[in-house]
PDB file of N, CA and C in Angstrom:
ATOM      1  N   UNK A   1       0.821  -1.189   0.000  1.00  0.00           N
ATOM      2  CA  UNK A   1       0.000   0.000   0.000  1.00  0.00           C
ATOM      3  C   UNK A   1       0.868   1.256   0.000  1.00  0.00           C
ATOM      4  N   UNK A   2       1.836   1.315   0.903  1.00  0.00           N
ATOM      5  CA  UNK A   2       2.697   2.491   0.959  1.00  0.00           C
ATOM      6  C   UNK A   2       3.573   2.597  -0.280  1.00  0.00           C
ATOM      7  N   UNK A   3       3.975   1.456  -0.804  1.00  0.00           N
ATOM      8  CA  UNK A   3       4.828   1.455  -1.986  1.00  0.00           C
ATOM      9  C   UNK A   3       4.093   2.069  -3.183  1.00  0.00           C
ATOM     10  N   UNK A   4       2.804   1.725  -3.352  1.00  0.00           N
ATOM     11  CA  UNK A   4       2.010   2.286  -4.451  1.00  0.00           C
ATOM     12  C   UNK A   4       1.851   3.801  -4.297  1.00  0.00           C
ATOM     13  N   UNK A   5       1.621   4.235  -3.082  1.00  0.00           N
ATOM     14  CA  UNK A   5       1.465   5.660  -2.826  1.00  0.00           C
ATOM     15  C   UNK A   5       2.771   6.404  -3.069  1.00  0.00           C
ATOM     16  N   UNK A   6       3.873   5.810  -2.642  1.00  0.00           N
ATOM     17  CA  UNK A   6       5.197   6.396  -2.862  1.00  0.00           C
ATOM     18  C   UNK A   6       5.471   6.534  -4.357  1.00  0.00           C
ATOM     19  N   UNK A   7       5.134   5.500  -5.122  1.00  0.00           N
ATOM     20  CA  UNK A   7       5.343   5.542  -6.569  1.00  0.00           C
ATOM     21  C   UNK A   7       4.406   6.540  -7.241  1.00  0.00           C
ATOM     22  N   UNK A   8       3.179   6.636  -6.747  1.00  0.00           N
ATOM     23  CA  UNK A   8       2.215   7.592  -7.312  1.00  0.00           C
ATOM     24  C   UNK A   8       2.713   9.024  -7.134  1.00  0.00           C
ATOM     25  N   UNK A   9       3.239   9.307  -5.943  1.00  0.00           N
ATOM     26  CA  UNK A   9       3.748  10.640  -5.671  1.00  0.00           C
ATOM     27  C   UNK A   9       5.122  10.868  -6.281  1.00  0.00           C
ATOM     28  N   UNK A  10       5.834   9.806  -6.609  1.00  0.00           N
ATOM     29  CA  UNK A  10       7.153   9.920  -7.216  1.00  0.00           C
ATOM     30  C   UNK A  10       8.200  10.489  -6.273  1.00  0.00           C
ATOM     31  N   UNK A  11       8.235   9.978  -5.060  1.00  0.00           N
ATOM     32  CA  UNK A  11       9.181  10.484  -4.058  1.00  0.00           C
ATOM     33  C   UNK A  11      10.026   9.337  -3.513  1.00  0.00           C
ATOM     34  N   UNK A  12      11.141   9.687  -2.886  1.00  0.00           N
ATOM     35  CA  UNK A  12      11.987   8.682  -2.242  1.00  0.00           C
ATOM     36  C   UNK A  12      11.353   8.266  -0.915  1.00  0.00           C
ATOM     37  N   UNK A  13      11.909   7.204  -0.309  1.00  0.00           N
ATOM     38  CA  UNK A  13      11.369   6.743   0.973  1.00  0.00           C
ATOM     39  C   UNK A  13      11.538   7.804   2.059  1.00  0.00           C
ATOM     40  N   UNK A  14      12.655   8.511   2.047  1.00  0.00           N
ATOM     41  CA  UNK A  14      12.864   9.558   3.049  1.00  0.00           C
ATOM     42  C   UNK A  14      11.813  10.655   2.901  1.00  0.00           C
ATOM     43  N   UNK A  15      11.596  11.112   1.664  1.00  0.00           N
ATOM     44  CA  UNK A  15      10.573  12.139   1.450  1.00  0.00           C
ATOM     45  C   UNK A  15       9.189  11.621   1.784  1.00  0.00           C
ATOM     46  N   UNK A  16       8.939  10.353   1.500  1.00  0.00           N
ATOM     47  CA  UNK A  16       7.649   9.745   1.830  1.00  0.00           C
ATOM     48  C   UNK A  16       7.397   9.790   3.334  1.00  0.00           C
ATOM     49  N   UNK A  17       8.411   9.445   4.110  1.00  0.00           N
ATOM     50  CA  UNK A  17       8.296   9.479   5.576  1.00  0.00           C
ATOM     51  C   UNK A  17       8.098  10.921   6.053  1.00  0.00           C
ATOM     52  N   UNK A  18       8.834  11.855   5.468  1.00  0.00           N
ATOM     53  CA  UNK A  18       8.678  13.264   5.845  1.00  0.00           C
ATOM     54  C   UNK A  18       7.288  13.785   5.488  1.00  0.00           C
ATOM     55  N   UNK A  19       6.752  13.339   4.366  1.00  0.00           N
ATOM     56  CA  UNK A  19       5.397  13.747   3.967  1.00  0.00           C
ATOM     57  C   UNK A  19       4.376  13.212   4.964  1.00  0.00           C
ATOM     58  N   UNK A  20       4.511  11.954   5.360  1.00  0.00           N
ATOM     59  CA  UNK A  20       3.585  11.385   6.347  1.00  0.00           C
ATOM     60  C   UNK A  20       3.705  12.096   7.689  1.00  0.00           C
ATOM     61  N   UNK A  21       4.919  12.428   8.097  1.00  0.00           N
ATOM     62  CA  UNK A  21       5.101  13.177   9.350  1.00  0.00           C
ATOM     63  C   UNK A  21       4.437  14.548   9.254  1.00  0.00           C
ATOM     64  N   UNK A  22       4.561  15.184   8.093  1.00  0.00           N
ATOM     65  CA  UNK A  22       3.934  16.486   7.897  1.00  0.00           C
ATOM     66  C   UNK A  22       2.422  16.380   7.980  1.00  0.00           C
ATOM     67  N   UNK A  23       1.850  15.348   7.331  1.00  0.00           N
ATOM     68  CA  UNK A  23       0.399  15.133   7.427  1.00  0.00           C
ATOM     69  C   UNK A  23      -0.017  14.934   8.889  1.00  0.00           C
ATOM     70  N   UNK A  24       0.722  14.124   9.624  1.00  0.00           N
ATOM     71  CA  UNK A  24       0.364  13.815  11.007  1.00  0.00           C
ATOM     72  C   UNK A  24       0.471  15.039  11.908  1.00  0.00           C
ATOM     73  N   UNK A  25       1.593  15.728  11.843  1.00  0.00           N
ATOM     74  CA  UNK A  25       1.797  16.894  12.707  1.00  0.00           C
ATOM     75  C   UNK A  25       0.877  18.037  12.296  1.00  0.00           C
ATOM     76  N   UNK A  26       0.702  18.224  10.997  1.00  0.00           N
ATOM     77  CA  UNK A  26      -0.202  19.279  10.519  1.00  0.00           C
ATOM     78  C   UNK A  26      -1.634  19.042  10.944  1.00  0.00           C
ATOM     79  N   UNK A  27      -2.098  17.797  10.833  1.00  0.00           N
ATOM     80  CA  UNK A  27      -3.460  17.473  11.252  1.00  0.00           C
ATOM     81  C   UNK A  27      -3.661  17.612  12.741  1.00  0.00           C
ATOM     82  N   UNK A  28      -2.682  17.154  13.512  1.00  0.00           N
ATOM     83  CA  UNK A  28      -2.784  17.266  14.974  1.00  0.00           C
ATOM     84  C   UNK A  28      -2.761  18.719  15.419  1.00  0.00           C
ATOM     85  N   UNK A  29      -1.877  19.497  14.835  1.00  0.00           N
ATOM     86  CA  UNK A  29      -1.804  20.910  15.214  1.00  0.00           C
ATOM     87  C   UNK A  29      -3.066  21.653  14.789  1.00  0.00           C
ATOM     88  N   UNK A  30      -3.652  21.250  13.694  1.00  0.00           N
ATOM     89  CA  UNK A  30      -4.900  21.857  13.237  1.00  0.00           C
ATOM     90  C   UNK A  30      -6.020  21.601  14.244  1.00  0.00           C
ATOM     91  N   UNK A  31      -6.136  20.369  14.718  1.00  0.00           N
ATOM     92  CA  UNK A  31      -7.151  20.052  15.727  1.00  0.00           C
ATOM     93  C   UNK A  31      -6.925  20.816  17.018  1.00  0.00           C
ATOM     94  N   UNK A  32      -5.669  20.909  17.437  1.00  0.00           N
ATOM     95  CA  UNK A  32      -5.329  21.635  18.664  1.00  0.00           C
ATOM     96  C   UNK A  32      -5.657  23.125  18.526  1.00  0.00           C
ATOM     97  N   UNK A  33      -5.254  23.727  17.401  1.00  0.00           N
ATOM     98  CA  UNK A  33      -5.539  25.150  17.189  1.00  0.00           C
ATOM     99  C   UNK A  33      -7.036  25.412  17.091  1.00  0.00           C
ATOM    100  N   UNK A  34      -7.757  24.488  16.454  1.00  0.00           N
ATOM    101  CA  UNK A  34      -9.208  24.639  16.354  1.00  0.00           C
ATOM    102  C   UNK A  34      -9.867  24.675  17.718  1.00  0.00           C
ATOM    103  N   UNK A  35      -9.445  23.776  18.610  1.00  0.00           N
ATOM    104  CA  UNK A  35      -9.995  23.772  19.971  1.00  0.00           C
ATOM    105  C   UNK A  35      -9.652  25.052  20.717  1.00  0.00           C
ATOM    106  N   UNK A  36      -8.401  25.492  20.571  1.00  0.00           N
ATOM    107  CA  UNK A  36      -7.987  26.726  21.258  1.00  0.00           C
ATOM    108  C   UNK A  36      -8.762  27.934  20.742  1.00  0.00           C
ATOM    109  N   UNK A  37      -8.954  28.023  19.434  1.00  0.00           N
ATOM    110  CA  UNK A  37      -9.711  29.147  18.873  1.00  0.00           C
ATOM    111  C   UNK A  37     -11.152  29.133  19.357  1.00  0.00           C
ATOM    112  N   UNK A  38     -11.761  27.964  19.414  1.00  0.00           N
ATOM    113  CA  UNK A  38     -13.148  27.900  19.866  1.00  0.00           C
ATOM    114  C   UNK A  38     -13.280  28.138  21.361  1.00  0.00           C
ATOM    115  N   UNK A  39     -12.233  27.851  22.113  1.00  0.00           N
ATOM    116  CA  UNK A  39     -12.301  28.149  23.546  1.00  0.00           C
ATOM    117  C   UNK A  39     -12.258  29.660  23.783  1.00  0.00           C
ATOM    118  N   UNK A  40     -11.664  30.401  22.856  1.00  0.00           N
ATOM    119  CA  UNK A  40     -11.648  31.856  22.972  1.00  0.00           C
ATOM    120  C   UNK A  40     -13.018  32.465  22.688  1.00  0.00           C
ATOM    121  N   UNK A  41     -13.830  31.771  21.908  1.00  0.00           N
ATOM    122  CA  UNK A  41     -15.153  32.265  21.531  1.00  0.00           C
ATOM    123  C   UNK A  41     -16.199  31.920  22.585  1.00  0.00           C
ATOM    124  N   UNK A  42     -15.881  30.998  23.480  1.00  0.00           N
ATOM    125  CA  UNK A  42     -16.775  30.592  24.572  1.00  0.00           C
ATOM    126  C   UNK A  42     -18.077  29.955  24.082  1.00  0.00           C
ATOM    127  N   UNK A  43     -17.949  29.050  23.130  1.00  0.00           N
ATOM    128  CA  UNK A  43     -19.115  28.297  22.670  1.00  0.00           C
ATOM    129  C   UNK A  43     -19.188  27.018  23.494  1.00  0.00           C
ATOM    130  N   UNK A  44     -20.369  26.752  24.094  1.00  0.00           N
ATOM    131  CA  UNK A  44     -20.502  25.512  24.862  1.00  0.00           C
ATOM    132  C   UNK A  44     -20.584  24.334  23.889  1.00  0.00           C
ATOM    133  N   UNK A  45     -20.287  23.135  24.395  1.00  0.00           N
ATOM    134  CA  UNK A  45     -20.206  21.956  23.525  1.00  0.00           C
ATOM    135  C   UNK A  45     -21.602  21.439  23.187  1.00  0.00           C
ATOM    136  N   UNK A  46     -22.182  22.064  22.206  1.00  0.00           N
ATOM    137  CA  UNK A  46     -23.482  21.641  21.687  1.00  0.00           C
ATOM    138  C   UNK A  46     -23.270  21.236  20.226  1.00  0.00           C
ATOM    139  N   UNK A  47     -24.364  21.003  19.530  1.00  0.00           N
ATOM    140  CA  UNK A  47     -24.261  20.650  18.104  1.00  0.00           C
ATOM    141  C   UNK A  47     -23.632  21.807  17.325  1.00  0.00           C
ATOM    142  N   UNK A  48     -23.938  23.032  17.708  1.00  0.00           N
ATOM    143  CA  UNK A  48     -23.375  24.201  17.034  1.00  0.00           C
ATOM    144  C   UNK A  48     -21.854  24.238  17.190  1.00  0.00           C
ATOM    145  N   UNK A  49     -21.354  23.865  18.341  1.00  0.00           N
ATOM    146  CA  UNK A  49     -19.908  23.827  18.585  1.00  0.00           C
ATOM    147  C   UNK A  49     -19.224  22.912  17.577  1.00  0.00           C
ATOM    148  N   UNK A  50     -19.785  21.725  17.369  1.00  0.00           N
ATOM    149  CA  UNK A  50     -19.154  20.770  16.470  1.00  0.00           C
ATOM    150  C   UNK A  50     -19.233  21.208  15.013  1.00  0.00           C
ATOM    151  N   UNK A  51     -20.289  21.888  14.638  1.00  0.00           N
ATOM    152  CA  UNK A  51     -20.387  22.426  13.272  1.00  0.00           C
ATOM    153  C   UNK A  51     -19.318  23.489  13.064  1.00  0.00           C
ATOM    154  N   UNK A  52     -19.184  24.395  14.032  1.00  0.00           N
ATOM    155  CA  UNK A  52     -18.171  25.456  13.932  1.00  0.00           C
ATOM    156  C   UNK A  52     -16.765  24.865  14.004  1.00  0.00           C
ATOM    157  N   UNK A  53     -16.562  23.857  14.843  1.00  0.00           N
ATOM    158  CA  UNK A  53     -15.257  23.204  14.957  1.00  0.00           C
ATOM    159  C   UNK A  53     -14.866  22.549  13.631  1.00  0.00           C
ATOM    160  N   UNK A  54     -15.801  21.826  13.020  1.00  0.00           N
ATOM    161  CA  UNK A  54     -15.534  21.187  11.738  1.00  0.00           C
ATOM    162  C   UNK A  54     -15.190  22.217  10.669  1.00  0.00           C
ATOM    163  N   UNK A  55     -15.942  23.319  10.620  1.00  0.00           N
ATOM    164  CA  UNK A  55     -15.658  24.370   9.646  1.00  0.00           C
ATOM    165  C   UNK A  55     -14.289  25.006   9.916  1.00  0.00           C
ATOM    166  N   UNK A  56     -13.967  25.194  11.189  1.00  0.00           N
ATOM    167  CA  UNK A  56     -12.689  25.806  11.564  1.00  0.00           C
ATOM    168  C   UNK A  56     -11.514  24.934  11.152  1.00  0.00           C
ATOM    169  N   UNK A  57     -11.584  23.649  11.448  1.00  0.00           N
ATOM    170  CA  UNK A  57     -10.438  22.804  11.095  1.00  0.00           C
ATOM    171  C   UNK A  57     -10.352  22.587   9.587  1.00  0.00           C
ATOM    172  N   UNK A  58     -11.487  22.637   8.893  1.00  0.00           N
ATOM    173  CA  UNK A  58     -11.457  22.528   7.436  1.00  0.00           C
ATOM    174  C   UNK A  58     -10.717  23.711   6.832  1.00  0.00           C
ATOM    175  N   UNK A  59     -10.896  24.875   7.405  1.00  0.00           N
ATOM    176  CA  UNK A  59     -10.199  26.063   6.905  1.00  0.00           C
ATOM    177  C   UNK A  59      -8.753  26.148   7.388  1.00  0.00           C
ATOM    178  N   UNK A  60      -8.490  25.645   8.581  1.00  0.00           N
ATOM    179  CA  UNK A  60      -7.138  25.707   9.150  1.00  0.00           C
ATOM    180  C   UNK A  60      -6.182  24.661   8.583  1.00  0.00           C
ATOM    181  N   UNK A  61      -6.702  23.513   8.171  1.00  0.00           N
ATOM    182  CA  UNK A  61      -5.836  22.405   7.776  1.00  0.00           C
ATOM    183  C   UNK A  61      -4.824  22.764   6.690  1.00  0.00           C
ATOM    184  N   UNK A  62      -5.241  23.393   5.579  1.00  0.00           N
ATOM    185  CA  UNK A  62      -4.230  23.717   4.561  1.00  0.00           C
ATOM    186  C   UNK A  62      -3.135  24.641   5.089  1.00  0.00           C
ATOM    187  N   UNK A  63      -3.511  25.594   5.909  1.00  0.00           N
ATOM    188  CA  UNK A  63      -2.524  26.514   6.480  1.00  0.00           C
ATOM    189  C   UNK A  63      -1.551  25.775   7.389  1.00  0.00           C
ATOM    190  N   UNK A  64      -2.073  24.912   8.248  1.00  0.00           N
ATOM    191  CA  UNK A  64      -1.212  24.150   9.159  1.00  0.00           C
ATOM    192  C   UNK A  64      -0.252  23.249   8.398  1.00  0.00           C
ATOM    193  N   UNK A  65      -0.746  22.575   7.380  1.00  0.00           N
ATOM    194  CA  UNK A  65       0.100  21.650   6.623  1.00  0.00           C
ATOM    195  C   UNK A  65       1.188  22.416   5.873  1.00  0.00           C
ATOM    196  N   UNK A  66       0.847  23.541   5.297  1.00  0.00           N
ATOM    197  CA  UNK A  66       1.863  24.333   4.579  1.00  0.00           C
ATOM    198  C   UNK A  66       2.926  24.831   5.548  1.00  0.00           C
ATOM    199  N   UNK A  67       2.518  25.335   6.692  1.00  0.00           N
ATOM    200  CA  UNK A  67       3.485  25.854   7.667  1.00  0.00           C
ATOM    201  C   UNK A  67       4.384  24.730   8.184  1.00  0.00           C
ATOM    202  N   UNK A  68       3.815  23.569   8.477  1.00  0.00           N
ATOM    203  CA  UNK A  68       4.599  22.444   8.980  1.00  0.00           C
ATOM    204  C   UNK A  68       5.514  21.878   7.890  1.00  0.00           C
ATOM    205  N   UNK A  69       5.102  21.981   6.632  1.00  0.00           N
ATOM    206  CA  UNK A  69       5.909  21.412   5.547  1.00  0.00           C
ATOM    207  C   UNK A  69       7.219  22.165   5.329  1.00  0.00           C
ATOM    208  N   UNK A  70       7.286  23.413   5.733  1.00  0.00           N
ATOM    209  CA  UNK A  70       8.497  24.211   5.508  1.00  0.00           C
ATOM    210  C   UNK A  70       9.702  23.643   6.259  1.00  0.00           C
ATOM    211  N   UNK A  71       9.625  23.406   7.576  1.00  0.00           N
ATOM    212  CA  UNK A  71      10.812  22.851   8.240  1.00  0.00           C
ATOM    213  C   UNK A  71      11.144  21.418   7.807  1.00  0.00           C
ATOM    214  N   UNK A  72      10.151  20.678   7.310  1.00  0.00           N
ATOM    215  CA  UNK A  72      10.409  19.315   6.847  1.00  0.00           C
ATOM    216  C   UNK A  72      10.929  19.285   5.409  1.00  0.00           C
ATOM    217  N   UNK A  73      10.988  20.429   4.761  1.00  0.00           N
ATOM    218  CA  UNK A  73      11.494  20.490   3.392  1.00  0.00           C
ATOM    219  C   UNK A  73      10.529  19.949   2.355  1.00  0.00           C
ATOM    220  N   UNK A  74       9.260  19.938   2.655  1.00  0.00           N
ATOM    221  CA  UNK A  74       8.250  19.377   1.762  1.00  0.00           C
ATOM    222  C   UNK A  74       7.275  20.432   1.248  1.00  0.00           C
ATOM    223  N   UNK A  75       7.670  21.694   1.284  1.00  0.00           N
ATOM    224  CA  UNK A  75       6.782  22.783   0.886  1.00  0.00           C
ATOM    225  C   UNK A  75       6.288  22.625  -0.549  1.00  0.00           C
ATOM    226  N   UNK A  76       7.187  22.320  -1.477  1.00  0.00           N
ATOM    227  CA  UNK A  76       6.810  22.202  -2.880  1.00  0.00           C
ATOM    228  C   UNK A  76       5.791  21.076  -3.091  1.00  0.00           C
ATOM    229  N   UNK A  77       6.010  19.942  -2.426  1.00  0.00           N
ATOM    230  CA  UNK A  77       5.053  18.833  -2.545  1.00  0.00           C
ATOM    231  C   UNK A  77       3.667  19.271  -2.072  1.00  0.00           C
ATOM    232  N   UNK A  78       3.590  19.911  -0.909  1.00  0.00           N
ATOM    233  CA  UNK A  78       2.289  20.277  -0.354  1.00  0.00           C
ATOM    234  C   UNK A  78       1.651  21.435  -1.100  1.00  0.00           C
ATOM    235  N   UNK A  79       2.448  22.318  -1.645  1.00  0.00           N
ATOM    236  CA  UNK A  79       1.889  23.388  -2.471  1.00  0.00           C
ATOM    237  C   UNK A  79       1.195  22.774  -3.682  1.00  0.00           C
ATOM    238  N   UNK A  80       1.873  21.840  -4.350  1.00  0.00           N
ATOM    239  CA  UNK A  80       1.275  21.172  -5.503  1.00  0.00           C
ATOM    240  C   UNK A  80       0.077  20.310  -5.094  1.00  0.00           C
ATOM    241  N   UNK A  81       0.171  19.641  -3.958  1.00  0.00           N
ATOM    242  CA  UNK A  81      -0.920  18.797  -3.455  1.00  0.00           C
ATOM    243  C   UNK A  81      -2.175  19.638  -3.200  1.00  0.00           C
ATOM    244  N   UNK A  82      -2.004  20.777  -2.557  1.00  0.00           N
ATOM    245  CA  UNK A  82      -3.152  21.636  -2.258  1.00  0.00           C
ATOM    246  C   UNK A  82      -3.725  22.270  -3.521  1.00  0.00           C
ATOM    247  N   UNK A  83      -2.870  22.581  -4.493  1.00  0.00           N
ATOM    248  CA  UNK A  83      -3.375  23.111  -5.765  1.00  0.00           C
ATOM    249  C   UNK A  83      -4.210  22.066  -6.507  1.00  0.00           C
ATOM    250  N   UNK A  84      -3.780  20.794  -6.469  1.00  0.00           N
ATOM    251  CA  UNK A  84      -4.564  19.717  -7.081  1.00  0.00           C
ATOM    252  C   UNK A  84      -5.906  19.559  -6.372  1.00  0.00           C
ATOM    253  N   UNK A  85      -5.884  19.638  -5.037  1.00  0.00           N
ATOM    254  CA  UNK A  85      -7.139  19.540  -4.285  1.00  0.00           C
ATOM    255  C   UNK A  85      -8.084  20.677  -4.651  1.00  0.00           C
ATOM    256  N   UNK A  86      -7.542  21.868  -4.783  1.00  0.00           N
ATOM    257  CA  UNK A  86      -8.356  23.037  -5.133  1.00  0.00           C
ATOM    258  C   UNK A  86      -8.995  22.851  -6.507  1.00  0.00           C
ATOM    259  N   UNK A  87      -8.206  22.361  -7.477  1.00  0.00           N
ATOM    260  CA  UNK A  87      -8.737  22.122  -8.819  1.00  0.00           C
ATOM    261  C   UNK A  87      -9.870  21.099  -8.790  1.00  0.00           C
ATOM    262  N   UNK A  88      -9.691  20.025  -8.029  1.00  0.00           N
ATOM    263  CA  UNK A  88     -10.714  18.986  -7.948  1.00  0.00           C
ATOM    264  C   UNK A  88     -11.986  19.471  -7.270  1.00  0.00           C
ATOM    265  N   UNK A  89     -11.826  20.348  -6.296  1.00  0.00           N
ATOM    266  CA  UNK A  89     -12.987  20.825  -5.556  1.00  0.00           C
ATOM    267  C   UNK A  89     -13.771  21.891  -6.309  1.00  0.00           C
ATOM    268  N   UNK A  90     -13.079  22.748  -7.044  1.00  0.00           N
ATOM    269  CA  UNK A  90     -13.749  23.905  -7.633  1.00  0.00           C
ATOM    270  C   UNK A  90     -13.864  23.882  -9.151  1.00  0.00           C
ATOM    271  N   UNK A  91     -13.502  22.796  -9.783  1.00  0.00           N
ATOM    272  CA  UNK A  91     -13.677  22.676 -11.245  1.00  0.00           C
ATOM    273  C   UNK A  91     -14.780  21.737 -11.580  1.00  0.00           C
TER     274      UNK A  91
END
């Protein structure tokens, strides 16, 4: 499974591992920042909280992944990845 994904992306094993680390750290930091931002707004944990939380992390995720990709040296990969996602979503 990982081998097919590595070949699809056309990256070395080291870059593949760095990309997975970026996805993991970016996603975790996005969830953490989303909770912190919503705690500043003082929304109690109701259905509305989860709708706003989902919208917040959906908007934060690309930013978190791009920022995390810079120290891992994967900025170009994630820039292209996010551009492909944008094309698929809005075309």
